[in-house]
Amino acid sequence: MTLTDLCPICAVRVKDHSGELAIARCKRIAESGINYNCCGAGPHTPGEVRVMPSGGDSNLILCLSCWTRENQYRRNRNRELGTFAQYRIPSWESAKVYDGGE
């Protein structure tokens, strides 16, 4: 399964995503700012999430809104840290799209 097989809002497989109930669910998610694939605190941008390295072998999986907030935190924190300990500030455009671990 690829990302193109999934609804960009609710991440349900497109072939299983039909009818008024599914459309209503997507509308509620989009309006509420929920993104079940994002591990950030929200509010979220619906749809795509990307992989942000967070040190060692770990990563954050973030929507665009959470990505922006994380980078702002890193910029602010870098002002207090020595050069050797500063965070990288990766761009959204350079990040890998999260594929759900498949």
PDB file of N, CA and C in Angstrom:
ATOM      1  N   MET A   1       0.854  -1.177   0.000  1.00  0.00           N
ATOM      2  CA  MET A   1       0.000   0.000   0.000  1.00  0.00           C
ATOM      3  C   MET A   1       0.898   1.238   0.000  1.00  0.00           C
ATOM      4  N   THR A   2       0.502   2.245  -0.766  1.00  0.00           N
ATOM      5  CA  THR A   2       1.241   3.504  -0.829  1.00  0.00           C
ATOM      6  C   THR A   2       0.356   4.629  -0.320  1.00  0.00           C
ATOM      7  N   LEU A   3       0.960   5.811  -0.146  1.00  0.00           N
ATOM      8  CA  LEU A   3       0.189   6.961   0.319  1.00  0.00           C
ATOM      9  C   LEU A   3      -0.927   7.324  -0.653  1.00  0.00           C
ATOM     10  N   THR A   4      -0.731   7.051  -1.942  1.00  0.00           N
ATOM     11  CA  THR A   4      -1.779   7.377  -2.906  1.00  0.00           C
ATOM     12  C   THR A   4      -2.989   6.464  -2.747  1.00  0.00           C
ATOM     13  N   ASP A   5      -2.831   5.356  -2.021  1.00  0.00           N
ATOM     14  CA  ASP A   5      -3.949   4.452  -1.754  1.00  0.00           C
ATOM     15  C   ASP A   5      -4.776   4.894  -0.556  1.00  0.00           C
ATOM     16  N   LEU A   6      -4.296   5.933   0.163  1.00  0.00           N
ATOM     17  CA  LEU A   6      -4.945   6.383   1.384  1.00  0.00           C
ATOM     18  C   LEU A   6      -5.601   7.739   1.201  1.00  0.00           C
ATOM     19  N   CYS A   7      -6.686   7.948   1.912  1.00  0.00           N
ATOM     20  CA  CYS A   7      -7.316   9.265   1.954  1.00  0.00           C
ATOM     21  C   CYS A   7      -6.334  10.219   2.632  1.00  0.00           C
ATOM     22  N   PRO A   8      -6.062  11.397   2.069  1.00  0.00           N
ATOM     23  CA  PRO A   8      -5.089  12.309   2.661  1.00  0.00           C
ATOM     24  C   PRO A   8      -5.537  12.914   3.984  1.00  0.00           C
ATOM     25  N   ILE A   9      -6.790  12.792   4.320  1.00  0.00           N
ATOM     26  CA  ILE A   9      -7.294  13.373   5.567  1.00  0.00           C
ATOM     27  C   ILE A   9      -7.372  12.327   6.671  1.00  0.00           C
ATOM     28  N   CYS A  10      -8.011  11.202   6.417  1.00  0.00           N
ATOM     29  CA  CYS A  10      -8.248  10.237   7.496  1.00  0.00           C
ATOM     30  C   CYS A  10      -7.389   8.985   7.405  1.00  0.00           C
ATOM     31  N   ALA A  11      -6.613   8.848   6.338  1.00  0.00           N
ATOM     32  CA  ALA A  11      -5.687   7.732   6.149  1.00  0.00           C
ATOM     33  C   ALA A  11      -6.374   6.373   6.022  1.00  0.00           C
ATOM     34  N   VAL A  12      -7.649   6.363   5.686  1.00  0.00           N
ATOM     35  CA  VAL A  12      -8.360   5.118   5.381  1.00  0.00           C
ATOM     36  C   VAL A  12      -8.069   4.776   3.922  1.00  0.00           C
ATOM     37  N   ARG A  13      -7.957   3.480   3.632  1.00  0.00           N
ATOM     38  CA  ARG A  13      -7.720   3.091   2.241  1.00  0.00           C
ATOM     39  C   ARG A  13      -8.837   3.636   1.356  1.00  0.00           C
ATOM     40  N   VAL A  14      -8.457   4.235   0.247  1.00  0.00           N
ATOM     41  CA  VAL A  14      -9.422   4.872  -0.643  1.00  0.00           C
ATOM     42  C   VAL A  14     -10.476   3.892  -1.113  1.00  0.00           C
ATOM     43  N   LYS A  15     -10.093   2.650  -1.394  1.00  0.00           N
ATOM     44  CA  LYS A  15     -11.082   1.688  -1.881  1.00  0.00           C
ATOM     45  C   LYS A  15     -12.117   1.332  -0.805  1.00  0.00           C
ATOM     46  N   ASP A  16     -11.772   1.540   0.483  1.00  0.00           N
ATOM     47  CA  ASP A  16     -12.720   1.301   1.575  1.00  0.00           C
ATOM     48  C   ASP A  16     -13.421   2.578   2.013  1.00  0.00           C
ATOM     49  N   HIS A  17     -13.169   3.647   1.318  1.00  0.00           N
ATOM     50  CA  HIS A  17     -13.594   4.983   1.727  1.00  0.00           C
ATOM     51  C   HIS A  17     -14.682   5.478   0.781  1.00  0.00           C
ATOM     52  N   SER A  18     -15.907   5.124   1.090  1.00  0.00           N
ATOM     53  CA  SER A  18     -16.994   5.579   0.233  1.00  0.00           C
ATOM     54  C   SER A  18     -18.233   5.819   1.074  1.00  0.00           C
ATOM     55  N   GLY A  19     -19.154   6.557   0.526  1.00  0.00           N
ATOM     56  CA  GLY A  19     -20.418   6.806   1.203  1.00  0.00           C
ATOM     57  C   GLY A  19     -20.397   8.051   2.069  1.00  0.00           C
ATOM     58  N   GLU A  20     -21.576   8.444   2.477  1.00  0.00           N
ATOM     59  CA  GLU A  20     -21.747   9.672   3.236  1.00  0.00           C
ATOM     60  C   GLU A  20     -21.072   9.619   4.604  1.00  0.00           C
ATOM     61  N   LEU A  21     -21.070   8.459   5.246  1.00  0.00           N
ATOM     62  CA  LEU A  21     -20.461   8.334   6.569  1.00  0.00           C
ATOM     63  C   LEU A  21     -18.962   8.630   6.508  1.00  0.00           C
ATOM     64  N   ALA A  22     -18.263   8.061   5.534  1.00  0.00           N
ATOM     65  CA  ALA A  22     -16.827   8.291   5.393  1.00  0.00           C
ATOM     66  C   ALA A  22     -16.536   9.750   5.060  1.00  0.00           C
ATOM     67  N   ILE A  23     -17.328  10.342   4.196  1.00  0.00           N
ATOM     68  CA  ILE A  23     -17.144  11.749   3.830  1.00  0.00           C
ATOM     69  C   ILE A  23     -17.382  12.645   5.037  1.00  0.00           C
ATOM     70  N   ALA A  24     -18.386  12.350   5.829  1.00  0.00           N
ATOM     71  CA  ALA A  24     -18.677  13.136   7.031  1.00  0.00           C
ATOM     72  C   ALA A  24     -17.534  13.009   8.036  1.00  0.00           C
ATOM     73  N   ARG A  25     -16.968  11.810   8.175  1.00  0.00           N
ATOM     74  CA  ARG A  25     -15.847  11.607   9.093  1.00  0.00           C
ATOM     75  C   ARG A  25     -14.650  12.453   8.663  1.00  0.00           C
ATOM     76  N   CYS A  26     -14.329  12.443   7.381  1.00  0.00           N
ATOM     77  CA  CYS A  26     -13.212  13.244   6.877  1.00  0.00           C
ATOM     78  C   CYS A  26     -13.452  14.729   7.123  1.00  0.00           C
ATOM     79  N   LYS A  27     -14.664  15.170   6.905  1.00  0.00           N
ATOM     80  CA  LYS A  27     -14.978  16.583   7.107  1.00  0.00           C
ATOM     81  C   LYS A  27     -14.778  16.968   8.573  1.00  0.00           C
ATOM     82  N   ARG A  28     -15.214  16.112   9.505  1.00  0.00           N
ATOM     83  CA  ARG A  28     -15.025  16.389  10.939  1.00  0.00           C
ATOM     84  C   ARG A  28     -13.543  16.450  11.300  1.00  0.00           C
ATOM     85  N   ILE A  29     -12.748  15.534  10.766  1.00  0.00           N
ATOM     86  CA  ILE A  29     -11.313  15.519  11.049  1.00  0.00           C
ATOM     87  C   ILE A  29     -10.665  16.794  10.512  1.00  0.00           C
ATOM     88  N   ALA A  30     -10.972  17.155   9.282  1.00  0.00           N
ATOM     89  CA  ALA A  30     -10.380  18.355   8.680  1.00  0.00           C
ATOM     90  C   ALA A  30     -10.759  19.610   9.458  1.00  0.00           C
ATOM     91  N   GLU A  31     -12.005  19.691   9.891  1.00  0.00           N
ATOM     92  CA  GLU A  31     -12.456  20.872  10.622  1.00  0.00           C
ATOM     93  C   GLU A  31     -11.882  20.928  12.030  1.00  0.00           C
ATOM     94  N   SER A  32     -11.607  19.785  12.635  1.00  0.00           N
ATOM     95  CA  SER A  32     -11.119  19.768  14.013  1.00  0.00           C
ATOM     96  C   SER A  32      -9.610  19.898  14.106  1.00  0.00           C
ATOM     97  N   GLY A  33      -8.906  19.818  12.986  1.00  0.00           N
ATOM     98  CA  GLY A  33      -7.460  19.928  13.022  1.00  0.00           C
ATOM     99  C   GLY A  33      -6.769  18.701  13.587  1.00  0.00           C
ATOM    100  N   ILE A  34      -7.381  17.546  13.465  1.00  0.00           N
ATOM    101  CA  ILE A  34      -6.790  16.301  13.954  1.00  0.00           C
ATOM    102  C   ILE A  34      -6.009  15.648  12.814  1.00  0.00           C
ATOM    103  N   ASN A  35      -4.838  15.118  13.143  1.00  0.00           N
ATOM    104  CA  ASN A  35      -4.089  14.320  12.185  1.00  0.00           C
ATOM    105  C   ASN A  35      -3.556  13.120  12.952  1.00  0.00           C
ATOM    106  N   TYR A  36      -4.195  11.975  12.784  1.00  0.00           N
ATOM    107  CA  TYR A  36      -3.854  10.786  13.551  1.00  0.00           C
ATOM    108  C   TYR A  36      -2.464  10.237  13.225  1.00  0.00           C
ATOM    109  N   ASN A  37      -1.861  10.681  12.142  1.00  0.00           N
ATOM    110  CA  ASN A  37      -0.533  10.201  11.778  1.00  0.00           C
ATOM    111  C   ASN A  37       0.580  11.066  12.349  1.00  0.00           C
ATOM    112  N   CYS A  38       0.250  12.206  12.942  1.00  0.00           N
ATOM    113  CA  CYS A  38       1.241  13.137  13.477  1.00  0.00           C
ATOM    114  C   CYS A  38       1.471  12.868  14.958  1.00  0.00           C
ATOM    115  N   CYS A  39       2.741  12.867  15.374  1.00  0.00           N
ATOM    116  CA  CYS A  39       3.034  12.645  16.794  1.00  0.00           C
ATOM    117  C   CYS A  39       3.272  13.957  17.538  1.00  0.00           C
ATOM    118  N   GLY A  40       2.986  15.086  16.898  1.00  0.00           N
ATOM    119  CA  GLY A  40       3.100  16.380  17.561  1.00  0.00           C
ATOM    120  C   GLY A  40       1.883  16.668  18.423  1.00  0.00           C
ATOM    121  N   ALA A  41       1.935  17.778  19.149  1.00  0.00           N
ATOM    122  CA  ALA A  41       0.877  18.118  20.098  1.00  0.00           C
ATOM    123  C   ALA A  41      -0.328  18.800  19.458  1.00  0.00           C
ATOM    124  N   GLY A  42      -0.196  19.282  18.236  1.00  0.00           N
ATOM    125  CA  GLY A  42      -1.303  19.937  17.560  1.00  0.00           C
ATOM    126  C   GLY A  42      -1.466  21.381  17.999  1.00  0.00           C
ATOM    127  N   PRO A  43      -2.382  22.130  17.419  1.00  0.00           N
ATOM    128  CA  PRO A  43      -3.325  21.706  16.382  1.00  0.00           C
ATOM    129  C   PRO A  43      -2.588  21.288  15.107  1.00  0.00           C
ATOM    130  N   HIS A  44      -3.221  20.422  14.356  1.00  0.00           N
ATOM    131  CA  HIS A  44      -2.577  19.775  13.222  1.00  0.00           C
ATOM    132  C   HIS A  44      -3.055  20.301  11.879  1.00  0.00           C
ATOM    133  N   THR A  45      -2.206  20.048  10.880  1.00  0.00           N
ATOM    134  CA  THR A  45      -2.570  20.222   9.491  1.00  0.00           C
ATOM    135  C   THR A  45      -3.004  18.849   8.990  1.00  0.00           C
ATOM    136  N   PRO A  46      -4.208  18.705   8.453  1.00  0.00           N
ATOM    137  CA  PRO A  46      -4.624  17.399   7.935  1.00  0.00           C
ATOM    138  C   PRO A  46      -3.754  16.964   6.763  1.00  0.00           C
ATOM    139  N   GLY A  47      -3.666  15.671   6.562  1.00  0.00           N
ATOM    140  CA  GLY A  47      -2.974  15.141   5.387  1.00  0.00           C
ATOM    141  C   GLY A  47      -1.568  14.664   5.686  1.00  0.00           C
ATOM    142  N   GLU A  48      -0.665  15.041   4.809  1.00  0.00           N
ATOM    143  CA  GLU A  48       0.695  14.526   4.783  1.00  0.00           C
ATOM    144  C   GLU A  48       1.480  14.795   6.070  1.00  0.00           C
ATOM    145  N   VAL A  49       2.295  13.814   6.453  1.00  0.00           N
ATOM    146  CA  VAL A  49       3.252  13.955   7.549  1.00  0.00           C
ATOM    147  C   VAL A  49       4.635  13.589   7.011  1.00  0.00           C
ATOM    148  N   ARG A  50       5.671  14.167   7.640  1.00  0.00           N
ATOM    149  CA  ARG A  50       7.039  13.913   7.192  1.00  0.00           C
ATOM    150  C   ARG A  50       7.924  13.546   8.373  1.00  0.00           C
ATOM    151  N   VAL A  51       9.085  12.985   8.055  1.00  0.00           N
ATOM    152  CA  VAL A  51      10.015  12.464   9.056  1.00  0.00           C
ATOM    153  C   VAL A  51      11.049  13.534   9.405  1.00  0.00           C
ATOM    154  N   MET A  52      11.107  13.905  10.704  1.00  0.00           N
ATOM    155  CA  MET A  52      12.112  14.852  11.187  1.00  0.00           C
ATOM    156  C   MET A  52      13.061  14.109  12.127  1.00  0.00           C
ATOM    157  N   PRO A  53      14.363  14.058  11.785  1.00  0.00           N
ATOM    158  CA  PRO A  53      15.322  13.422  12.683  1.00  0.00           C
ATOM    159  C   PRO A  53      15.360  14.160  14.022  1.00  0.00           C
ATOM    160  N   SER A  54      15.386  13.400  15.118  1.00  0.00           N
ATOM    161  CA  SER A  54      15.396  14.049  16.427  1.00  0.00           C
ATOM    162  C   SER A  54      16.605  13.651  17.267  1.00  0.00           C
ATOM    163  N   GLY A  55      17.567  12.984  16.675  1.00  0.00           N
ATOM    164  CA  GLY A  55      18.784  12.617  17.387  1.00  0.00           C
ATOM    165  C   GLY A  55      18.944  11.119  17.481  1.00  0.00           C
ATOM    166  N   GLY A  56      20.161  10.663  17.349  1.00  0.00           N
ATOM    167  CA  GLY A  56      20.412   9.227  17.369  1.00  0.00           C
ATOM    168  C   GLY A  56      19.665   8.543  16.237  1.00  0.00           C
ATOM    169  N   ASP A  57      18.975   7.465  16.569  1.00  0.00           N
ATOM    170  CA  ASP A  57      18.198   6.730  15.569  1.00  0.00           C
ATOM    171  C   ASP A  57      16.715   7.073  15.620  1.00  0.00           C
ATOM    172  N   SER A  58      16.351   8.115  16.362  1.00  0.00           N
ATOM    173  CA  SER A  58      14.926   8.422  16.526  1.00  0.00           C
ATOM    174  C   SER A  58      14.474   9.522  15.572  1.00  0.00           C
ATOM    175  N   ASN A  59      13.186   9.541  15.328  1.00  0.00           N
ATOM    176  CA  ASN A  59      12.570  10.522  14.437  1.00  0.00           C
ATOM    177  C   ASN A  59      11.256  11.003  15.018  1.00  0.00           C
ATOM    178  N   LEU A  60      10.841  12.175  14.568  1.00  0.00           N
ATOM    179  CA  LEU A  60       9.491  12.668  14.822  1.00  0.00           C
ATOM    180  C   LEU A  60       8.718  12.544  13.524  1.00  0.00           C
ATOM    181  N   ILE A  61       7.454  12.216  13.606  1.00  0.00           N
ATOM    182  CA  ILE A  61       6.566  12.161  12.447  1.00  0.00           C
ATOM    183  C   ILE A  61       5.594  13.318  12.626  1.00  0.00           C
ATOM    184  N   LEU A  62       5.716  14.352  11.786  1.00  0.00           N
ATOM    185  CA  LEU A  62       4.990  15.592  12.027  1.00  0.00           C
ATOM    186  C   LEU A  62       4.240  16.094  10.801  1.00  0.00           C
ATOM    187  N   CYS A  63       3.082  16.697  11.061  1.00  0.00           N
ATOM    188  CA  CYS A  63       2.353  17.425  10.025  1.00  0.00           C
ATOM    189  C   CYS A  63       3.033  18.790   9.857  1.00  0.00           C
ATOM    190  N   LEU A  64       2.606  19.561   8.877  1.00  0.00           N
ATOM    191  CA  LEU A  64       3.242  20.845   8.591  1.00  0.00           C
ATOM    192  C   LEU A  64       3.162  21.805   9.774  1.00  0.00           C
ATOM    193  N   SER A  65       2.032  21.887  10.454  1.00  0.00           N
ATOM    194  CA  SER A  65       1.888  22.801  11.594  1.00  0.00           C
ATOM    195  C   SER A  65       2.836  22.435  12.732  1.00  0.00           C
ATOM    196  N   CYS A  66       2.888  21.166  13.069  1.00  0.00           N
ATOM    197  CA  CYS A  66       3.763  20.719  14.158  1.00  0.00           C
ATOM    198  C   CYS A  66       5.230  20.854  13.755  1.00  0.00           C
ATOM    199  N   TRP A  67       5.531  20.625  12.485  1.00  0.00           N
ATOM    200  CA  TRP A  67       6.895  20.785  11.966  1.00  0.00           C
ATOM    201  C   TRP A  67       7.352  22.231  12.157  1.00  0.00           C
ATOM    202  N   THR A  68       6.486  23.167  11.825  1.00  0.00           N
ATOM    203  CA  THR A  68       6.811  24.585  11.957  1.00  0.00           C
ATOM    204  C   THR A  68       7.065  24.954  13.412  1.00  0.00           C
ATOM    205  N   ARG A  69       6.210  24.473  14.315  1.00  0.00           N
ATOM    206  CA  ARG A  69       6.397  24.759  15.738  1.00  0.00           C
ATOM    207  C   ARG A  69       7.683  24.128  16.278  1.00  0.00           C
ATOM    208  N   GLU A  70       7.983  22.897  15.859  1.00  0.00           N
ATOM    209  CA  GLU A  70       9.210  22.242  16.311  1.00  0.00           C
ATOM    210  C   GLU A  70      10.443  23.018  15.852  1.00  0.00           C
ATOM    211  N   ASN A  71      10.435  23.479  14.605  1.00  0.00           N
ATOM    212  CA  ASN A  71      11.576  24.256  14.114  1.00  0.00           C
ATOM    213  C   ASN A  71      11.707  25.580  14.859  1.00  0.00           C
ATOM    214  N   GLN A  72      10.591  26.203  15.218  1.00  0.00           N
ATOM    215  CA  GLN A  72      10.655  27.448  15.995  1.00  0.00           C
ATOM    216  C   GLN A  72      11.253  27.175  17.366  1.00  0.00           C
ATOM    217  N   TYR A  73      10.848  26.082  18.005  1.00  0.00           N
ATOM    218  CA  TYR A  73      11.434  25.690  19.289  1.00  0.00           C
ATOM    219  C   TYR A  73      12.947  25.496  19.137  1.00  0.00           C
ATOM    220  N   ARG A  74      13.349  24.801  18.090  1.00  0.00           N
ATOM    221  CA  ARG A  74      14.771  24.535  17.870  1.00  0.00           C
ATOM    222  C   ARG A  74      15.547  25.827  17.650  1.00  0.00           C
ATOM    223  N   ARG A  75      14.985  26.754  16.879  1.00  0.00           N
ATOM    224  CA  ARG A  75      15.660  28.047  16.669  1.00  0.00           C
ATOM    225  C   ARG A  75      15.856  28.779  17.997  1.00  0.00           C
ATOM    226  N   ASN A  76      14.807  28.834  18.802  1.00  0.00           N
ATOM    227  CA  ASN A  76      14.894  29.507  20.093  1.00  0.00           C
ATOM    228  C   ASN A  76      15.890  28.810  21.013  1.00  0.00           C
ATOM    229  N   ARG A  77      15.851  27.496  21.054  1.00  0.00           N
ATOM    230  CA  ARG A  77      16.749  26.734  21.925  1.00  0.00           C
ATOM    231  C   ARG A  77      18.196  26.873  21.481  1.00  0.00           C
ATOM    232  N   ASN A  78      18.440  26.946  20.169  1.00  0.00           N
ATOM    233  CA  ASN A  78      19.802  27.074  19.655  1.00  0.00           C
ATOM    234  C   ASN A  78      20.486  28.351  20.145  1.00  0.00           C
ATOM    235  N   ARG A  79      19.713  29.370  20.486  1.00  0.00           N
ATOM    236  CA  ARG A  79      20.291  30.612  21.002  1.00  0.00           C
ATOM    237  C   ARG A  79      20.967  30.400  22.352  1.00  0.00           C
ATOM    238  N   GLU A  80      20.531  29.361  23.074  1.00  0.00           N
ATOM    239  CA  GLU A  80      21.055  29.090  24.413  1.00  0.00           C
ATOM    240  C   GLU A  80      22.118  27.990  24.426  1.00  0.00           C
ATOM    241  N   LEU A  81      22.252  27.265  23.343  1.00  0.00           N
ATOM    242  CA  LEU A  81      23.155  26.110  23.299  1.00  0.00           C
ATOM    243  C   LEU A  81      24.484  26.471  22.643  1.00  0.00           C
ATOM    244  N   GLY A  82      25.520  25.755  23.047  1.00  0.00           N
ATOM    245  CA  GLY A  82      26.794  25.892  22.365  1.00  0.00           C
ATOM    246  C   GLY A  82      26.692  25.349  20.952  1.00  0.00           C
ATOM    247  N   THR A  83      27.580  25.791  20.097  1.00  0.00           N
ATOM    248  CA  THR A  83      27.549  25.389  18.684  1.00  0.00           C
ATOM    249  C   THR A  83      27.542  23.866  18.523  1.00  0.00           C
ATOM    250  N   PHE A  84      28.303  23.168  19.331  1.00  0.00           N
ATOM    251  CA  PHE A  84      28.414  21.710  19.216  1.00  0.00           C
ATOM    252  C   PHE A  84      27.103  20.987  19.562  1.00  0.00           C
ATOM    253  N   ALA A  85      26.223  21.646  20.314  1.00  0.00           N
ATOM    254  CA  ALA A  85      25.000  20.996  20.795  1.00  0.00           C
ATOM    255  C   ALA A  85      23.738  21.487  20.092  1.00  0.00           C
ATOM    256  N   GLN A  86      23.878  22.355  19.118  1.00  0.00           N
ATOM    257  CA  GLN A  86      22.695  22.944  18.494  1.00  0.00           C
ATOM    258  C   GLN A  86      21.935  21.966  17.621  1.00  0.00           C
ATOM    259  N   TYR A  87      20.626  22.193  17.574  1.00  0.00           N
ATOM    260  CA  TYR A  87      19.726  21.392  16.736  1.00  0.00           C
ATOM    261  C   TYR A  87      19.894  21.751  15.268  1.00  0.00           C
ATOM    262  N   ARG A  88      19.701  20.760  14.403  1.00  0.00           N
ATOM    263  CA  ARG A  88      19.561  21.033  12.969  1.00  0.00           C
ATOM    264  C   ARG A  88      18.159  21.573  12.743  1.00  0.00           C
ATOM    265  N   ILE A  89      18.001  22.431  11.752  1.00  0.00           N
ATOM    266  CA  ILE A  89      16.693  22.999  11.402  1.00  0.00           C
ATOM    267  C   ILE A  89      16.351  22.514   9.986  1.00  0.00           C
ATOM    268  N   PRO A  90      15.779  21.323   9.862  1.00  0.00           N
ATOM    269  CA  PRO A  90      15.484  20.788   8.528  1.00  0.00           C
ATOM    270  C   PRO A  90      14.268  21.465   7.900  1.00  0.00           C
ATOM    271  N   SER A  91      14.308  21.606   6.595  1.00  0.00           N
ATOM    272  CA  SER A  91      13.161  22.202   5.891  1.00  0.00           C
ATOM    273  C   SER A  91      12.123  21.126   5.587  1.00  0.00           C
ATOM    274  N   TRP A  92      10.876  21.541   5.515  1.00  0.00           N
ATOM    275  CA  TRP A  92       9.768  20.649   5.165  1.00  0.00           C
ATOM    276  C   TRP A  92      10.000  20.029   3.790  1.00  0.00           C
ATOM    277  N   GLU A  93      10.467  20.852   2.858  1.00  0.00           N
ATOM    278  CA  GLU A  93      10.654  20.402   1.481  1.00  0.00           C
ATOM    279  C   GLU A  93      11.727  19.326   1.354  1.00  0.00           C
ATOM    280  N   SER A  94      12.736  19.352   2.235  1.00  0.00           N
ATOM    281  CA  SER A  94      13.827  18.378   2.150  1.00  0.00           C
ATOM    282  C   SER A  94      13.518  17.073   2.880  1.00  0.00           C
ATOM    283  N   ALA A  95      12.432  17.041   3.634  1.00  0.00           N
ATOM    284  CA  ALA A  95      12.123  15.875   4.467  1.00  0.00           C
ATOM    285  C   ALA A  95      11.427  14.770   3.678  1.00  0.00           C
ATOM    286  N   LYS A  96      11.648  13.559   4.141  1.00  0.00           N
ATOM    287  CA  LYS A  96      11.019  12.380   3.541  1.00  0.00           C
ATOM    288  C   LYS A  96       9.562  12.299   4.001  1.00  0.00           C
ATOM    289  N   VAL A  97       8.675  12.030   3.068  1.00  0.00           N
ATOM    290  CA  VAL A  97       7.262  11.821   3.400  1.00  0.00           C
ATOM    291  C   VAL A  97       7.156  10.493   4.141  1.00  0.00           C
ATOM    292  N   TYR A  98       6.462  10.491   5.267  1.00  0.00           N
ATOM    293  CA  TYR A  98       6.290   9.269   6.053  1.00  0.00           C
ATOM    294  C   TYR A  98       5.339   8.329   5.336  1.00  0.00           C
ATOM    295  N   ASP A  99       5.756   7.089   5.170  1.00  0.00           N
ATOM    296  CA  ASP A  99       4.955   6.123   4.418  1.00  0.00           C
ATOM    297  C   ASP A  99       4.202   5.148   5.312  1.00  0.00           C
ATOM    298  N   GLY A 100       4.140   5.405   6.585  1.00  0.00           N
ATOM    299  CA  GLY A 100       3.408   4.520   7.490  1.00  0.00           C
ATOM    300  C   GLY A 100       4.187   3.298   7.915  1.00  0.00           C
ATOM    301  N   GLY A 101       5.484   3.278   7.649  1.00  0.00           N
ATOM    302  CA  GLY A 101       6.310   2.154   8.071  1.00  0.00           C
ATOM    303  C   GLY A 101       6.243   0.963   7.160  1.00  0.00           C
ATOM    304  N   GLU A 102       5.693   1.145   5.976  1.00  0.00           N
ATOM    305  CA  GLU A 102       5.547   0.014   5.050  1.00  0.00           C
ATOM    306  C   GLU A 102       6.683  -0.015   4.050  1.00  0.00           C
TER     307      GLU A 102
END
